[in-house]
């Protein structure tokens, strides 16, 4: 059960990460990265971001690259939310393949 504070911080981080990734992927034509969900630990020290990547064939590669550069993403996030949060959580990113799963179920049902 997530607290109200966890939900507020998760929404703030999701909004800012979405903006960061939108700006970074503008130079990469044909790639779209969106943050579908953010879950934050009860002590607010770790945030798990679930990323939806289009095209989905490059999802693993892009998320691995983002995880390797998570320190720079965390720094960018920290500069944006420094007045709202005292401690910027550690960031971990995962592929959100729920849309692919839904598409696969639709194919099976046809």
C-alpha atoms as a PDB file:
ATOM      1  CA  UNK A   1       0.000   0.000   0.000  1.00  0.00           C
ATOM      2  CA  UNK A   2       1.541   3.254  -1.132  1.00  0.00           C
ATOM      3  CA  UNK A   3       1.144   6.391   0.935  1.00  0.00           C
ATOM      4  CA  UNK A   4      -0.114   9.698  -0.385  1.00  0.00           C
ATOM      5  CA  UNK A   5       3.416  11.126  -0.211  1.00  0.00           C
ATOM      6  CA  UNK A   6       4.788   8.223  -2.269  1.00  0.00           C
ATOM      7  CA  UNK A   7       2.100   8.766  -4.899  1.00  0.00           C
ATOM      8  CA  UNK A   8       2.781  12.513  -5.116  1.00  0.00           C
ATOM      9  CA  UNK A   9       6.530  12.010  -5.472  1.00  0.00           C
ATOM     10  CA  UNK A  10       6.038   9.219  -8.018  1.00  0.00           C
ATOM     11  CA  UNK A  11       3.799  11.460 -10.149  1.00  0.00           C
ATOM     12  CA  UNK A  12       6.311  14.331  -9.921  1.00  0.00           C
ATOM     13  CA  UNK A  13       9.198  12.071 -10.952  1.00  0.00           C
ATOM     14  CA  UNK A  14       7.151  10.527 -13.780  1.00  0.00           C
ATOM     15  CA  UNK A  15       6.288  13.958 -15.184  1.00  0.00           C
ATOM     16  CA  UNK A  16       9.869  15.210 -15.045  1.00  0.00           C
ATOM     17  CA  UNK A  17      11.381  11.993 -16.448  1.00  0.00           C
ATOM     18  CA  UNK A  18       8.902  12.098 -19.327  1.00  0.00           C
ATOM     19  CA  UNK A  19      10.041  15.609 -20.169  1.00  0.00           C
ATOM     20  CA  UNK A  20      13.728  14.642 -19.891  1.00  0.00           C
ATOM     21  CA  UNK A  21      13.342  11.637 -22.199  1.00  0.00           C
ATOM     22  CA  UNK A  22      11.249  13.602 -24.675  1.00  0.00           C
ATOM     23  CA  UNK A  23      14.002  16.198 -25.002  1.00  0.00           C
ATOM     24  CA  UNK A  24      16.760  13.586 -25.270  1.00  0.00           C
ATOM     25  CA  UNK A  25      15.008  11.500 -27.930  1.00  0.00           C
ATOM     26  CA  UNK A  26      14.180  14.431 -30.207  1.00  0.00           C
ATOM     27  CA  UNK A  27      17.566  13.962 -31.896  1.00  0.00           C
ATOM     28  CA  UNK A  28      16.919  10.209 -32.396  1.00  0.00           C
ATOM     29  CA  UNK A  29      14.420  10.085 -35.243  1.00  0.00           C
ATOM     30  CA  UNK A  30      11.923   7.243 -35.097  1.00  0.00           C
ATOM     31  CA  UNK A  31      12.362   6.522 -31.379  1.00  0.00           C
ATOM     32  CA  UNK A  32       9.797   7.349 -28.712  1.00  0.00           C
ATOM     33  CA  UNK A  33      10.382   6.745 -25.003  1.00  0.00           C
ATOM     34  CA  UNK A  34       7.547   7.313 -22.553  1.00  0.00           C
ATOM     35  CA  UNK A  35       7.405   6.742 -18.817  1.00  0.00           C
ATOM     36  CA  UNK A  36       4.356   4.599 -18.171  1.00  0.00           C
ATOM     37  CA  UNK A  37       4.732   4.280 -14.390  1.00  0.00           C
ATOM     38  CA  UNK A  38       7.024   5.142 -11.492  1.00  0.00           C
ATOM     39  CA  UNK A  39       7.058   3.178  -8.252  1.00  0.00           C
ATOM     40  CA  UNK A  40       8.923   4.542  -5.268  1.00  0.00           C
ATOM     41  CA  UNK A  41      10.144   2.630  -2.222  1.00  0.00           C
ATOM     42  CA  UNK A  42       8.610   3.379   1.204  1.00  0.00           C
ATOM     43  CA  UNK A  43      11.784   5.160   2.373  1.00  0.00           C
ATOM     44  CA  UNK A  44      11.768   7.268  -0.842  1.00  0.00           C
ATOM     45  CA  UNK A  45      15.339   6.225  -1.704  1.00  0.00           C
ATOM     46  CA  UNK A  46      14.728   4.123  -4.830  1.00  0.00           C
ATOM     47  CA  UNK A  47      12.458   4.914  -7.761  1.00  0.00           C
ATOM     48  CA  UNK A  48      11.686   2.285 -10.395  1.00  0.00           C
ATOM     49  CA  UNK A  49      10.657   3.702 -13.734  1.00  0.00           C
ATOM     50  CA  UNK A  50       8.809   1.593 -16.287  1.00  0.00           C
ATOM     51  CA  UNK A  51       9.540   2.753 -19.820  1.00  0.00           C
ATOM     52  CA  UNK A  52       7.516   2.083 -22.928  1.00  0.00           C
ATOM     53  CA  UNK A  53       9.728   2.278 -26.016  1.00  0.00           C
ATOM     54  CA  UNK A  54       8.697   2.526 -29.659  1.00  0.00           C
ATOM     55  CA  UNK A  55       9.858   0.661 -31.727  1.00  0.00           C
ATOM     56  CA  UNK A  56       9.705  -2.235 -29.283  1.00  0.00           C
ATOM     57  CA  UNK A  57      12.543  -4.108 -31.050  1.00  0.00           C
ATOM     58  CA  UNK A  58      15.036  -1.608 -29.632  1.00  0.00           C
ATOM     59  CA  UNK A  59      13.495  -1.481 -26.153  1.00  0.00           C
ATOM     60  CA  UNK A  60      16.081  -3.652 -24.378  1.00  0.00           C
ATOM     61  CA  UNK A  61      18.978  -1.757 -25.947  1.00  0.00           C
ATOM     62  CA  UNK A  62      17.559   1.671 -25.096  1.00  0.00           C
ATOM     63  CA  UNK A  63      16.635   0.784 -21.499  1.00  0.00           C
ATOM     64  CA  UNK A  64      20.094  -0.759 -20.955  1.00  0.00           C
ATOM     65  CA  UNK A  65      21.656   2.453 -22.286  1.00  0.00           C
ATOM     66  CA  UNK A  66      19.457   4.571 -20.000  1.00  0.00           C
ATOM     67  CA  UNK A  67      20.390   2.428 -16.980  1.00  0.00           C
ATOM     68  CA  UNK A  68      24.086   2.866 -17.808  1.00  0.00           C
ATOM     69  CA  UNK A  69      23.577   6.638 -17.867  1.00  0.00           C
ATOM     70  CA  UNK A  70      21.230   6.766 -14.870  1.00  0.00           C
ATOM     71  CA  UNK A  71      23.603   9.033 -12.935  1.00  0.00           C
ATOM     72  CA  UNK A  72      23.278  11.799 -15.521  1.00  0.00           C
ATOM     73  CA  UNK A  73      19.493  11.304 -15.653  1.00  0.00           C
ATOM     74  CA  UNK A  74      19.387  11.507 -11.834  1.00  0.00           C
ATOM     75  CA  UNK A  75      21.441  14.721 -11.933  1.00  0.00           C
ATOM     76  CA  UNK A  76      19.095  16.248 -14.514  1.00  0.00           C
ATOM     77  CA  UNK A  77      16.102  15.188 -12.415  1.00  0.00           C
ATOM     78  CA  UNK A  78      17.741  16.691  -9.328  1.00  0.00           C
ATOM     79  CA  UNK A  79      18.196  20.069 -10.982  1.00  0.00           C
ATOM     80  CA  UNK A  80      14.504  20.107 -11.905  1.00  0.00           C
ATOM     81  CA  UNK A  81      13.009  19.032  -8.558  1.00  0.00           C
ATOM     82  CA  UNK A  82      15.569  20.426  -6.114  1.00  0.00           C
ATOM     83  CA  UNK A  83      12.984  22.717  -4.527  1.00  0.00           C
ATOM     84  CA  UNK A  84      10.387  19.956  -4.057  1.00  0.00           C
ATOM     85  CA  UNK A  85      12.565  17.043  -2.857  1.00  0.00           C
ATOM     86  CA  UNK A  86      15.341  17.010  -0.312  1.00  0.00           C
ATOM     87  CA  UNK A  87      16.853  13.704  -1.449  1.00  0.00           C
ATOM     88  CA  UNK A  88      16.730  12.591  -5.081  1.00  0.00           C
ATOM     89  CA  UNK A  89      16.020   8.839  -5.232  1.00  0.00           C
ATOM     90  CA  UNK A  90      18.259   6.348  -6.984  1.00  0.00           C
ATOM     91  CA  UNK A  91      16.779   5.536 -10.395  1.00  0.00           C
ATOM     92  CA  UNK A  92      16.293   2.086 -11.923  1.00  0.00           C
ATOM     93  CA  UNK A  93      14.576   1.587 -15.254  1.00  0.00           C
ATOM     94  CA  UNK A  94      12.698  -1.409 -16.632  1.00  0.00           C
ATOM     95  CA  UNK A  95      10.936  -2.180 -19.905  1.00  0.00           C
ATOM     96  CA  UNK A  96       7.159  -1.893 -19.713  1.00  0.00           C
ATOM     97  CA  UNK A  97       5.960  -4.457 -22.222  1.00  0.00           C
ATOM     98  CA  UNK A  98       2.300  -4.386 -21.249  1.00  0.00           C
ATOM     99  CA  UNK A  99       1.274  -2.932 -24.632  1.00  0.00           C
ATOM    100  CA  UNK A 100       3.089  -5.745 -26.450  1.00  0.00           C
ATOM    101  CA  UNK A 101       1.402  -8.241 -24.150  1.00  0.00           C
ATOM    102  CA  UNK A 102      -2.042  -6.766 -24.883  1.00  0.00           C
ATOM    103  CA  UNK A 103      -1.302  -6.877 -28.610  1.00  0.00           C
ATOM    104  CA  UNK A 104      -0.218 -10.512 -28.330  1.00  0.00           C
ATOM    105  CA  UNK A 105      -3.453 -11.432 -26.483  1.00  0.00           C
ATOM    106  CA  UNK A 106      -5.501  -9.690 -29.192  1.00  0.00           C
ATOM    107  CA  UNK A 107      -3.683 -11.700 -31.861  1.00  0.00           C
ATOM    108  CA  UNK A 108      -4.451 -14.930 -30.022  1.00  0.00           C
ATOM    109  CA  UNK A 109      -8.131 -14.067 -29.667  1.00  0.00           C
ATOM    110  CA  UNK A 110      -8.601 -13.382 -33.377  1.00  0.00           C
END
